[in-house]
Structures are given as C-alpha cells and as structure tokens.
N, C-alpha and C. Protein backbone atom coordinates (compact mmCIF):
# COMPACT_ATOMS: atom_id res chain seq x y z
N MET A 1 298.64 36.22 308.50
CA MET A 1 299.91 35.93 309.12
C MET A 1 300.75 37.21 309.19
N PHE A 2 300.95 37.90 308.05
CA PHE A 2 301.67 39.16 308.03
C PHE A 2 300.68 40.27 307.67
N GLU A 3 300.92 41.43 308.23
CA GLU A 3 300.16 42.58 307.78
C GLU A 3 300.75 43.05 306.46
N CYS A 4 299.92 43.66 305.66
CA CYS A 4 300.37 44.13 304.35
C CYS A 4 301.56 45.07 304.47
N THR A 5 301.51 45.99 305.43
CA THR A 5 302.57 47.00 305.56
C THR A 5 303.90 46.39 306.00
N ALA A 6 303.87 45.16 306.49
CA ALA A 6 305.12 44.50 306.87
C ALA A 6 305.92 44.06 305.66
N ILE A 7 305.23 43.83 304.53
CA ILE A 7 305.94 43.34 303.35
C ILE A 7 305.82 44.23 302.13
N ALA A 8 304.97 45.28 302.20
CA ALA A 8 304.77 46.16 301.04
C ALA A 8 304.66 47.61 301.50
N PRO A 9 304.95 48.53 300.60
CA PRO A 9 304.78 49.95 300.95
C PRO A 9 303.32 50.27 301.28
N ALA A 10 303.12 51.29 302.09
CA ALA A 10 301.78 51.66 302.55
C ALA A 10 300.85 51.99 301.38
N TRP A 11 301.37 52.64 300.34
CA TRP A 11 300.54 53.01 299.20
C TRP A 11 299.93 51.77 298.54
N ILE A 12 300.72 50.73 298.40
CA ILE A 12 300.21 49.49 297.79
C ILE A 12 299.14 48.87 298.69
N CYS A 13 299.37 48.90 299.98
CA CYS A 13 298.38 48.34 300.90
C CYS A 13 297.07 49.11 300.87
N GLN A 14 297.14 50.42 300.72
CA GLN A 14 295.94 51.23 300.69
C GLN A 14 295.14 51.01 299.40
N HIS A 15 295.83 50.69 298.33
CA HIS A 15 295.17 50.56 297.02
C HIS A 15 295.21 49.14 296.47
N ARG A 16 295.32 48.16 297.32
CA ARG A 16 295.49 46.78 296.84
C ARG A 16 294.29 46.27 296.06
N GLU A 17 293.08 46.69 296.41
CA GLU A 17 291.91 46.23 295.65
C GLU A 17 291.93 46.79 294.23
N MET A 18 292.28 48.07 294.11
CA MET A 18 292.36 48.68 292.79
C MET A 18 293.47 48.00 291.97
N LEU A 19 294.62 47.80 292.61
CA LEU A 19 295.75 47.17 291.91
C LEU A 19 295.43 45.75 291.47
N SER A 20 294.74 45.00 292.32
CA SER A 20 294.40 43.63 291.92
C SER A 20 293.41 43.64 290.76
N GLY A 21 292.50 44.61 290.74
CA GLY A 21 291.57 44.73 289.61
C GLY A 21 292.29 45.07 288.32
N VAL A 22 293.25 45.99 288.41
CA VAL A 22 294.03 46.38 287.23
C VAL A 22 294.85 45.20 286.72
N LEU A 23 295.51 44.49 287.62
CA LEU A 23 296.32 43.33 287.20
C LEU A 23 295.45 42.22 286.61
N THR A 24 294.29 42.01 287.20
CA THR A 24 293.36 41.01 286.66
C THR A 24 292.89 41.41 285.27
N TYR A 25 292.61 42.69 285.09
CA TYR A 25 292.16 43.19 283.79
C TYR A 25 293.25 43.04 282.73
N LEU A 26 294.50 43.30 283.13
CA LEU A 26 295.60 43.26 282.17
C LEU A 26 296.14 41.86 281.87
N ALA A 27 295.82 40.89 282.70
CA ALA A 27 296.35 39.53 282.52
C ALA A 27 296.03 38.95 281.14
N PRO A 28 294.78 39.01 280.64
CA PRO A 28 294.53 38.47 279.30
C PRO A 28 295.34 39.17 278.21
N SER A 29 295.53 40.47 278.33
CA SER A 29 296.32 41.20 277.34
C SER A 29 297.78 40.77 277.37
N MET A 30 298.29 40.52 278.56
CA MET A 30 299.68 40.05 278.67
C MET A 30 299.84 38.69 278.02
N LEU A 31 298.87 37.82 278.24
CA LEU A 31 298.93 36.49 277.60
C LEU A 31 298.80 36.61 276.09
N LEU A 32 297.92 37.49 275.62
CA LEU A 32 297.80 37.72 274.18
C LEU A 32 299.10 38.27 273.60
N ALA A 33 299.78 39.12 274.36
CA ALA A 33 301.06 39.67 273.91
C ALA A 33 302.07 38.55 273.69
N LEU A 34 302.11 37.61 274.61
CA LEU A 34 303.04 36.47 274.46
C LEU A 34 302.67 35.64 273.22
N LEU A 35 301.38 35.44 273.00
CA LEU A 35 300.92 34.69 271.82
C LEU A 35 301.29 35.44 270.54
N ILE A 36 301.07 36.75 270.52
CA ILE A 36 301.40 37.56 269.34
C ILE A 36 302.90 37.49 269.06
N ARG A 37 303.70 37.58 270.11
CA ARG A 37 305.16 37.50 269.93
C ARG A 37 305.56 36.17 269.30
N ARG A 38 304.96 35.11 269.79
CA ARG A 38 305.28 33.77 269.28
C ARG A 38 304.85 33.62 267.82
N LEU A 39 303.64 34.09 267.52
CA LEU A 39 303.13 33.98 266.15
C LEU A 39 303.94 34.85 265.19
N ALA A 40 304.32 36.05 265.62
CA ALA A 40 305.11 36.94 264.76
C ALA A 40 306.48 36.36 264.48
N ALA A 41 307.03 35.62 265.44
CA ALA A 41 308.32 34.97 265.22
C ALA A 41 308.19 33.81 264.24
N ALA A 42 307.00 33.20 264.19
CA ALA A 42 306.78 32.05 263.31
C ALA A 42 306.56 32.46 261.86
N HIS A 43 305.86 33.58 261.65
CA HIS A 43 305.55 33.98 260.28
C HIS A 43 305.33 35.50 260.21
N PRO A 44 305.89 36.15 259.20
CA PRO A 44 305.79 37.61 259.08
C PRO A 44 304.37 38.16 258.96
N VAL A 45 303.41 37.35 258.52
CA VAL A 45 302.04 37.81 258.39
C VAL A 45 301.51 38.30 259.74
N PHE A 46 301.98 37.68 260.81
CA PHE A 46 301.49 38.03 262.14
C PHE A 46 302.05 39.35 262.66
N PHE A 47 302.93 40.00 261.87
CA PHE A 47 303.39 41.33 262.24
C PHE A 47 302.23 42.32 262.25
N LEU A 48 301.17 42.00 261.54
CA LEU A 48 299.98 42.86 261.55
C LEU A 48 299.45 43.05 262.98
N PHE A 49 299.58 42.00 263.81
CA PHE A 49 299.11 42.10 265.18
C PHE A 49 300.02 42.99 266.03
N THR A 50 301.26 43.14 265.61
CA THR A 50 302.19 43.99 266.37
C THR A 50 302.15 45.44 265.91
N LEU A 51 301.45 45.71 264.82
CA LEU A 51 301.45 47.05 264.24
C LEU A 51 301.00 48.16 265.21
N PRO A 52 299.92 47.99 265.99
CA PRO A 52 299.56 49.07 266.92
C PRO A 52 300.67 49.37 267.92
N GLY A 53 301.34 48.36 268.39
CA GLY A 53 302.45 48.56 269.33
C GLY A 53 303.63 49.23 268.66
N THR A 54 303.93 48.83 267.43
CA THR A 54 305.03 49.44 266.69
C THR A 54 304.76 50.92 266.44
N VAL A 55 303.53 51.24 266.09
CA VAL A 55 303.16 52.64 265.87
C VAL A 55 303.36 53.44 267.15
N CYS A 56 302.90 52.92 268.27
CA CYS A 56 303.06 53.63 269.55
C CYS A 56 304.54 53.77 269.93
N HIS A 57 305.31 52.71 269.72
CA HIS A 57 306.75 52.73 270.02
C HIS A 57 307.45 53.83 269.23
N GLU A 58 307.22 53.84 267.93
CA GLU A 58 307.89 54.83 267.08
C GLU A 58 307.35 56.24 267.32
N LEU A 59 306.06 56.37 267.58
CA LEU A 59 305.51 57.69 267.90
C LEU A 59 306.09 58.23 269.21
N ALA A 60 306.35 57.35 270.15
CA ALA A 60 306.99 57.78 271.41
C ALA A 60 308.36 58.37 271.12
N HIS A 61 309.16 57.66 270.31
CA HIS A 61 310.48 58.21 269.91
C HIS A 61 310.31 59.57 269.23
N PHE A 62 309.38 59.62 268.28
CA PHE A 62 309.18 60.83 267.49
C PHE A 62 308.76 62.01 268.37
N CYS A 63 307.76 61.81 269.22
CA CYS A 63 307.24 62.91 270.05
C CYS A 63 308.25 63.38 271.08
N VAL A 64 308.91 62.44 271.76
CA VAL A 64 309.91 62.85 272.74
C VAL A 64 311.11 63.47 272.05
N GLY A 65 311.47 62.95 270.88
CA GLY A 65 312.54 63.58 270.10
C GLY A 65 312.18 65.00 269.71
N LEU A 66 310.96 65.22 269.35
CA LEU A 66 310.48 66.56 269.01
C LEU A 66 310.52 67.49 270.22
N LEU A 67 310.05 66.99 271.36
CA LEU A 67 310.01 67.79 272.58
C LEU A 67 311.40 68.11 273.14
N THR A 68 312.36 67.23 272.92
CA THR A 68 313.70 67.43 273.48
C THR A 68 314.69 68.03 272.50
N GLY A 69 314.23 68.35 271.31
CA GLY A 69 315.10 68.97 270.32
C GLY A 69 315.99 68.01 269.56
N ALA A 70 315.62 66.74 269.49
CA ALA A 70 316.42 65.76 268.76
C ALA A 70 316.11 65.78 267.26
N ARG A 71 315.19 66.59 266.85
CA ARG A 71 314.81 66.80 265.45
C ARG A 71 314.51 65.50 264.69
N PRO A 72 313.35 64.92 264.91
CA PRO A 72 312.99 63.73 264.12
C PRO A 72 312.84 64.09 262.65
N ALA A 73 313.43 63.28 261.80
CA ALA A 73 313.41 63.54 260.36
C ALA A 73 312.47 62.61 259.61
N SER A 74 312.36 61.37 260.08
CA SER A 74 311.48 60.42 259.39
C SER A 74 310.97 59.39 260.37
N LEU A 75 309.84 58.79 260.01
CA LEU A 75 309.22 57.75 260.81
C LEU A 75 308.66 56.71 259.85
N THR A 76 308.95 55.45 260.12
CA THR A 76 308.38 54.38 259.31
C THR A 76 307.96 53.23 260.22
N VAL A 77 306.86 52.58 259.85
CA VAL A 77 306.40 51.40 260.58
C VAL A 77 306.18 50.24 259.62
N ILE A 78 306.85 50.28 258.50
CA ILE A 78 306.77 49.21 257.52
C ILE A 78 307.87 48.20 257.82
N PRO A 79 307.49 46.95 258.16
CA PRO A 79 308.51 45.94 258.48
C PRO A 79 309.41 45.65 257.27
N ARG A 80 310.69 45.46 257.55
CA ARG A 80 311.62 45.07 256.48
C ARG A 80 312.60 44.05 257.03
N ARG A 81 313.03 43.17 256.14
CA ARG A 81 313.95 42.09 256.49
C ARG A 81 315.35 42.66 256.69
N VAL A 82 315.98 42.30 257.83
CA VAL A 82 317.36 42.70 258.11
C VAL A 82 318.09 41.45 258.59
N GLY A 83 318.95 40.91 257.73
CA GLY A 83 319.67 39.68 258.09
C GLY A 83 318.71 38.54 258.34
N GLN A 84 318.83 37.93 259.53
CA GLN A 84 317.96 36.82 259.91
C GLN A 84 316.67 37.28 260.57
N GLY A 85 316.56 38.59 260.89
CA GLY A 85 315.39 39.07 261.60
C GLY A 85 314.62 40.12 260.83
N TRP A 86 313.77 40.82 261.54
CA TRP A 86 312.93 41.85 260.95
C TRP A 86 313.10 43.15 261.72
N HIS A 87 313.03 44.23 261.00
CA HIS A 87 313.07 45.57 261.57
C HIS A 87 311.66 46.13 261.39
N LEU A 88 310.93 46.32 262.50
CA LEU A 88 309.51 46.66 262.40
C LEU A 88 309.24 48.13 262.15
N GLY A 89 310.15 48.99 262.54
CA GLY A 89 309.93 50.42 262.34
C GLY A 89 311.15 51.20 262.80
N SER A 90 311.17 52.49 262.49
CA SER A 90 312.28 53.32 262.93
C SER A 90 311.91 54.79 262.85
N VAL A 91 312.65 55.57 263.62
CA VAL A 91 312.58 57.02 263.59
C VAL A 91 314.00 57.52 263.45
N SER A 92 314.23 58.40 262.51
CA SER A 92 315.56 59.01 262.36
C SER A 92 315.57 60.33 263.10
N LEU A 93 316.53 60.48 264.00
CA LEU A 93 316.71 61.71 264.75
C LEU A 93 318.00 62.37 264.27
N THR A 94 317.94 63.63 263.90
CA THR A 94 319.09 64.29 263.29
C THR A 94 319.94 65.11 264.27
N ARG A 95 319.47 65.29 265.49
CA ARG A 95 320.23 66.12 266.43
C ARG A 95 320.24 65.46 267.82
N VAL A 96 320.81 64.27 267.91
CA VAL A 96 320.89 63.57 269.19
C VAL A 96 322.12 64.08 269.94
N ARG A 97 321.89 64.60 271.12
CA ARG A 97 322.95 65.15 271.97
C ARG A 97 322.92 64.45 273.32
N TRP A 98 323.90 64.76 274.16
CA TRP A 98 323.99 64.11 275.47
C TRP A 98 322.75 64.34 276.32
N TYR A 99 322.10 65.46 276.19
CA TYR A 99 320.96 65.79 277.04
C TYR A 99 319.63 65.23 276.52
N ASN A 100 319.56 64.85 275.25
CA ASN A 100 318.29 64.33 274.73
C ASN A 100 318.36 62.88 274.27
N ALA A 101 319.54 62.29 274.32
CA ALA A 101 319.68 60.91 273.83
C ALA A 101 318.87 59.92 274.67
N ALA A 102 319.02 59.97 275.98
CA ALA A 102 318.29 59.01 276.83
C ALA A 102 316.78 59.23 276.76
N PRO A 103 316.29 60.48 276.92
CA PRO A 103 314.83 60.63 276.83
C PRO A 103 314.25 60.17 275.49
N ALA A 104 314.88 60.50 274.39
CA ALA A 104 314.36 60.11 273.08
C ALA A 104 314.47 58.60 272.85
N ALA A 105 315.59 58.02 273.26
CA ALA A 105 315.80 56.59 273.02
C ALA A 105 314.96 55.70 273.94
N LEU A 106 314.74 56.16 275.16
CA LEU A 106 313.99 55.34 276.12
C LEU A 106 312.51 55.73 276.20
N ALA A 107 312.06 56.53 275.27
CA ALA A 107 310.67 56.98 275.22
C ALA A 107 309.65 55.83 275.16
N PRO A 108 309.97 54.67 274.58
CA PRO A 108 308.97 53.60 274.55
C PRO A 108 308.47 53.16 275.93
N PHE A 109 309.21 53.46 276.99
CA PHE A 109 308.70 53.15 278.33
C PHE A 109 307.35 53.85 278.56
N LEU A 110 307.14 54.98 277.91
CA LEU A 110 305.88 55.72 278.05
C LEU A 110 304.70 54.93 277.48
N VAL A 111 304.97 54.02 276.56
CA VAL A 111 303.91 53.21 275.95
C VAL A 111 303.24 52.33 277.00
N ALA A 112 303.95 51.99 278.06
CA ALA A 112 303.36 51.16 279.13
C ALA A 112 302.19 51.87 279.79
N ALA A 113 302.13 53.18 279.67
CA ALA A 113 301.02 53.93 280.25
C ALA A 113 299.70 53.64 279.55
N VAL A 114 299.75 53.25 278.28
CA VAL A 114 298.52 53.00 277.52
C VAL A 114 297.70 51.87 278.15
N PRO A 115 298.27 50.67 278.34
CA PRO A 115 297.48 49.61 278.98
C PRO A 115 297.07 49.97 280.40
N LEU A 116 297.95 50.64 281.12
CA LEU A 116 297.64 51.01 282.49
C LEU A 116 296.46 51.98 282.55
N LEU A 117 296.45 52.97 281.70
CA LEU A 117 295.35 53.93 281.68
C LEU A 117 294.04 53.28 281.26
N VAL A 118 294.10 52.38 280.27
CA VAL A 118 292.89 51.67 279.85
C VAL A 118 292.36 50.83 281.01
N ALA A 119 293.26 50.14 281.71
CA ALA A 119 292.84 49.30 282.83
C ALA A 119 292.25 50.14 283.97
N LEU A 120 292.86 51.28 284.26
CA LEU A 120 292.32 52.15 285.31
C LEU A 120 290.94 52.67 284.91
N TRP A 121 290.78 53.00 283.65
CA TRP A 121 289.49 53.50 283.15
C TRP A 121 288.42 52.42 283.26
N ARG A 122 288.76 51.19 282.86
CA ARG A 122 287.75 50.13 282.78
C ARG A 122 287.46 49.46 284.13
N THR A 123 288.37 49.54 285.10
CA THR A 123 288.16 48.81 286.36
C THR A 123 287.68 49.71 287.48
N GLY A 124 286.99 50.75 287.15
CA GLY A 124 286.44 51.64 288.17
C GLY A 124 285.40 50.91 289.02
N PRO A 125 284.83 51.61 289.98
CA PRO A 125 283.82 51.00 290.85
C PRO A 125 282.66 50.42 290.04
N GLY A 126 282.24 49.24 290.43
CA GLY A 126 281.11 48.60 289.77
C GLY A 126 281.45 47.99 288.41
N TRP A 127 282.73 47.83 288.11
CA TRP A 127 283.13 47.30 286.81
C TRP A 127 282.71 45.85 286.67
N HIS A 128 282.28 45.49 285.49
CA HIS A 128 282.05 44.10 285.12
C HIS A 128 282.42 43.93 283.65
N PHE A 129 282.73 42.72 283.27
CA PHE A 129 283.21 42.44 281.92
C PHE A 129 282.12 42.75 280.90
N GLU A 130 282.53 43.43 279.82
CA GLU A 130 281.65 43.73 278.70
C GLU A 130 282.37 43.33 277.42
N PRO A 131 281.66 43.17 276.33
CA PRO A 131 282.30 42.77 275.06
C PRO A 131 283.43 43.71 274.62
N ILE A 132 283.31 44.99 274.94
CA ILE A 132 284.37 45.92 274.54
C ILE A 132 285.69 45.58 275.23
N ASP A 133 285.63 44.94 276.37
CA ASP A 133 286.85 44.57 277.08
C ASP A 133 287.67 43.53 276.31
N ALA A 134 287.00 42.66 275.57
CA ALA A 134 287.72 41.69 274.73
C ALA A 134 288.44 42.43 273.60
N LEU A 135 287.77 43.40 273.00
CA LEU A 135 288.42 44.20 271.95
C LEU A 135 289.58 45.01 272.51
N LEU A 136 289.39 45.58 273.68
CA LEU A 136 290.47 46.36 274.31
C LEU A 136 291.66 45.46 274.65
N ALA A 137 291.39 44.22 275.04
CA ALA A 137 292.49 43.29 275.35
C ALA A 137 293.36 43.08 274.11
N PHE A 138 292.72 42.92 272.94
CA PHE A 138 293.48 42.77 271.69
C PHE A 138 294.19 44.07 271.31
N ALA A 139 293.57 45.20 271.63
CA ALA A 139 294.17 46.49 271.25
C ALA A 139 295.38 46.84 272.11
N ILE A 140 295.34 46.48 273.38
CA ILE A 140 296.46 46.87 274.25
C ILE A 140 297.53 45.79 274.38
N ALA A 141 297.27 44.60 273.92
CA ALA A 141 298.29 43.55 274.00
C ALA A 141 299.59 43.93 273.28
N PRO A 142 299.54 44.49 272.07
CA PRO A 142 300.79 44.86 271.40
C PRO A 142 301.60 45.94 272.14
N GLN A 143 300.92 46.70 272.99
CA GLN A 143 301.63 47.75 273.73
C GLN A 143 302.62 47.14 274.73
N PHE A 144 302.30 45.96 275.23
CA PHE A 144 303.24 45.29 276.14
C PHE A 144 304.52 44.88 275.41
N LEU A 145 304.38 44.56 274.12
CA LEU A 145 305.56 44.20 273.33
C LEU A 145 306.35 45.44 272.93
N ALA A 146 305.67 46.58 272.84
CA ALA A 146 306.28 47.79 272.32
C ALA A 146 306.88 48.70 273.39
N CYS A 147 306.64 48.42 274.65
CA CYS A 147 307.07 49.36 275.69
C CYS A 147 308.51 49.16 276.14
N TRP A 148 309.21 48.21 275.57
CA TRP A 148 310.61 47.99 275.94
C TRP A 148 311.50 48.51 274.81
N PRO A 149 312.46 49.38 275.13
CA PRO A 149 313.36 49.89 274.09
C PRO A 149 314.19 48.77 273.46
N SER A 150 314.50 48.94 272.18
CA SER A 150 315.29 47.94 271.46
C SER A 150 316.76 48.05 271.87
N ALA A 151 317.57 47.12 271.41
CA ALA A 151 319.01 47.15 271.71
C ALA A 151 319.64 48.43 271.15
N VAL A 152 319.21 48.85 269.97
CA VAL A 152 319.72 50.10 269.38
C VAL A 152 319.32 51.28 270.25
N ASP A 153 318.09 51.27 270.76
CA ASP A 153 317.63 52.35 271.64
C ASP A 153 318.51 52.45 272.88
N TRP A 154 318.85 51.32 273.47
CA TRP A 154 319.70 51.32 274.67
C TRP A 154 321.09 51.89 274.35
N LYS A 155 321.63 51.52 273.19
CA LYS A 155 322.95 52.05 272.81
C LYS A 155 322.91 53.56 272.63
N ILE A 156 321.85 54.06 272.01
CA ILE A 156 321.72 55.51 271.81
C ILE A 156 321.57 56.21 273.16
N SER A 157 320.85 55.60 274.09
CA SER A 157 320.64 56.23 275.39
C SER A 157 321.94 56.42 276.16
N LEU A 158 322.94 55.61 275.84
CA LEU A 158 324.23 55.73 276.54
C LEU A 158 324.96 57.03 276.19
N ARG A 159 324.51 57.72 275.16
CA ARG A 159 325.09 59.03 274.85
C ARG A 159 324.78 60.05 275.94
N SER A 160 323.82 59.73 276.80
CA SER A 160 323.46 60.63 277.89
C SER A 160 324.22 60.28 279.17
N TRP A 161 325.44 59.79 279.05
CA TRP A 161 326.20 59.39 280.22
C TRP A 161 326.38 60.52 281.24
N PRO A 162 326.42 61.80 280.87
CA PRO A 162 326.53 62.82 281.92
C PRO A 162 325.38 62.76 282.93
N TYR A 163 324.21 62.28 282.50
CA TYR A 163 323.11 62.12 283.44
C TYR A 163 323.50 61.18 284.57
N LEU A 164 324.25 60.13 284.25
CA LEU A 164 324.67 59.19 285.27
C LEU A 164 325.56 59.86 286.31
N VAL A 165 326.46 60.72 285.85
CA VAL A 165 327.36 61.43 286.76
C VAL A 165 326.55 62.38 287.65
N ILE A 166 325.64 63.12 287.05
CA ILE A 166 324.80 64.05 287.81
C ILE A 166 323.95 63.29 288.84
N ALA A 167 323.36 62.18 288.43
CA ALA A 167 322.55 61.38 289.33
C ALA A 167 323.39 60.80 290.47
N ALA A 168 324.60 60.35 290.17
CA ALA A 168 325.48 59.79 291.20
C ALA A 168 325.85 60.86 292.23
N ILE A 169 326.14 62.06 291.76
CA ILE A 169 326.46 63.15 292.68
C ILE A 169 325.25 63.50 293.54
N ALA A 170 324.10 63.58 292.91
CA ALA A 170 322.87 63.90 293.65
C ALA A 170 322.56 62.83 294.70
N LEU A 171 322.70 61.57 294.34
CA LEU A 171 322.44 60.48 295.28
C LEU A 171 323.47 60.45 296.40
N SER A 172 324.70 60.75 296.06
CA SER A 172 325.74 60.71 297.10
C SER A 172 325.50 61.79 298.16
N THR A 173 324.92 62.92 297.79
CA THR A 173 324.64 63.95 298.79
C THR A 173 323.55 63.50 299.76
N LEU A 174 322.70 62.59 299.34
CA LEU A 174 321.67 62.07 300.25
C LEU A 174 322.27 61.20 301.34
N TYR A 175 323.39 60.58 301.06
CA TYR A 175 324.00 59.65 302.00
C TYR A 175 325.16 60.24 302.78
N LEU A 176 325.48 61.52 302.54
CA LEU A 176 326.54 62.16 303.31
C LEU A 176 326.04 62.42 304.73
N PRO A 177 326.91 62.24 305.71
CA PRO A 177 326.49 62.58 307.08
C PRO A 177 326.16 64.07 307.18
N ILE A 178 325.32 64.43 308.11
CA ILE A 178 324.87 65.81 308.28
C ILE A 178 326.05 66.79 308.44
N PRO A 179 327.10 66.52 309.24
CA PRO A 179 328.22 67.46 309.34
C PRO A 179 328.90 67.71 307.97
N ALA A 180 328.95 66.68 307.15
CA ALA A 180 329.57 66.85 305.82
C ALA A 180 328.72 67.77 304.97
N LEU A 181 327.40 67.71 305.11
CA LEU A 181 326.52 68.60 304.37
C LEU A 181 326.72 70.05 304.80
N ARG A 182 326.95 70.25 306.10
CA ARG A 182 327.20 71.59 306.61
C ARG A 182 328.48 72.18 306.00
N LEU A 183 329.48 71.33 305.81
CA LEU A 183 330.73 71.80 305.20
C LEU A 183 330.51 72.21 303.76
N LEU A 184 329.61 71.49 303.06
CA LEU A 184 329.33 71.83 301.67
C LEU A 184 328.59 73.15 301.54
N GLN A 185 327.84 73.53 302.58
CA GLN A 185 327.06 74.77 302.51
C GLN A 185 327.92 76.01 302.75
N VAL A 186 329.09 75.86 303.32
CA VAL A 186 329.95 77.02 303.62
C VAL A 186 330.55 77.61 302.39
C-alpha cells in the first residue's frame, strides 16, 4: 500500500531486513529484562540477575568520568537498603563541572550499545539459533535495565545547562533565513 520511503527514512528502508533480525534477536532479552525487573522488585535475592547491568551502568559512569576529568573516586555495586527501596550501586565523582556533568551522568546510555553489538554480531548472514544465543539473551537482558540513567543521574546532568544554551544557539542558526546569515558573517 505504502512504499517504505513514504513512512520511514531511506536508511531504515535499505536495512530493514537487518533491523528486523536485530529486533527479533533482542525481543527475548527485552522480555527477560521485564521479568528480572519484576522479580527484583519482589525479592532482593533477584538483584543477582541485575548485577551485570549494574556493573555496566556504574562502569559507564566511571569510564566517562575518567575521560572527561570528573575524577571518579569510588565505585560500588553492592546493593544496600535506602528507605523503602534499594540502591544497587554508585560512583563518586569528585570534580563534576558544567562541561563534564552531562556526559558523566548520562553515560549509562552507552550501555545500550552492548545488546545492539551482540545482536549485530549474532544476526549476520546465515544466522540461525544456537544454544549460546539463550545464554547471551540472559547476559544482555540486564543491560536493558541498566541503560537508563537514574533520577540522581538526571539531576547531576542538569549542571551542564550551558550545553543547552550552546545547542539552542547552534540550532537557531540553522533556521535563520539566508540574508540573516550573511549579516552574521560581516
């Protein structure tokens, strides 16, 4: 009825078979992630299933903090009770500034690359299900839970508000009429 390019970008249309294979491969892991989340909420013993994701989440903070000069001081992945909930892990950064707050705090988004890379690796040409794929599904499921920054991470990222101003100025120049751009060049 519709051509693919009428409703989706050309890149998606060109790679739709690969994308459908990746999404099909990742579907069981996403469902396992939902099950793990539910079980971990029911009883703390099930935090063991979230441990690989917690390690990746905290390592993302640590590595990006190191690369951006936020000076990571400590890293822990031992769950502890905080009020009515649980705190699964943390990284202490000793030099959070406006320029490194957002990258260090939002680093867990990088964890989403782990399941994607595994899926791209496993769904190459001629792929068929093997027993290792069941193990990989369990290994990458916690990464789906770990790739979203926590509420504290989002608050810390707001220290990088100058990025918003810079981005707004940069975007506004894209929408200025051509004569206005000529005036800016003088």
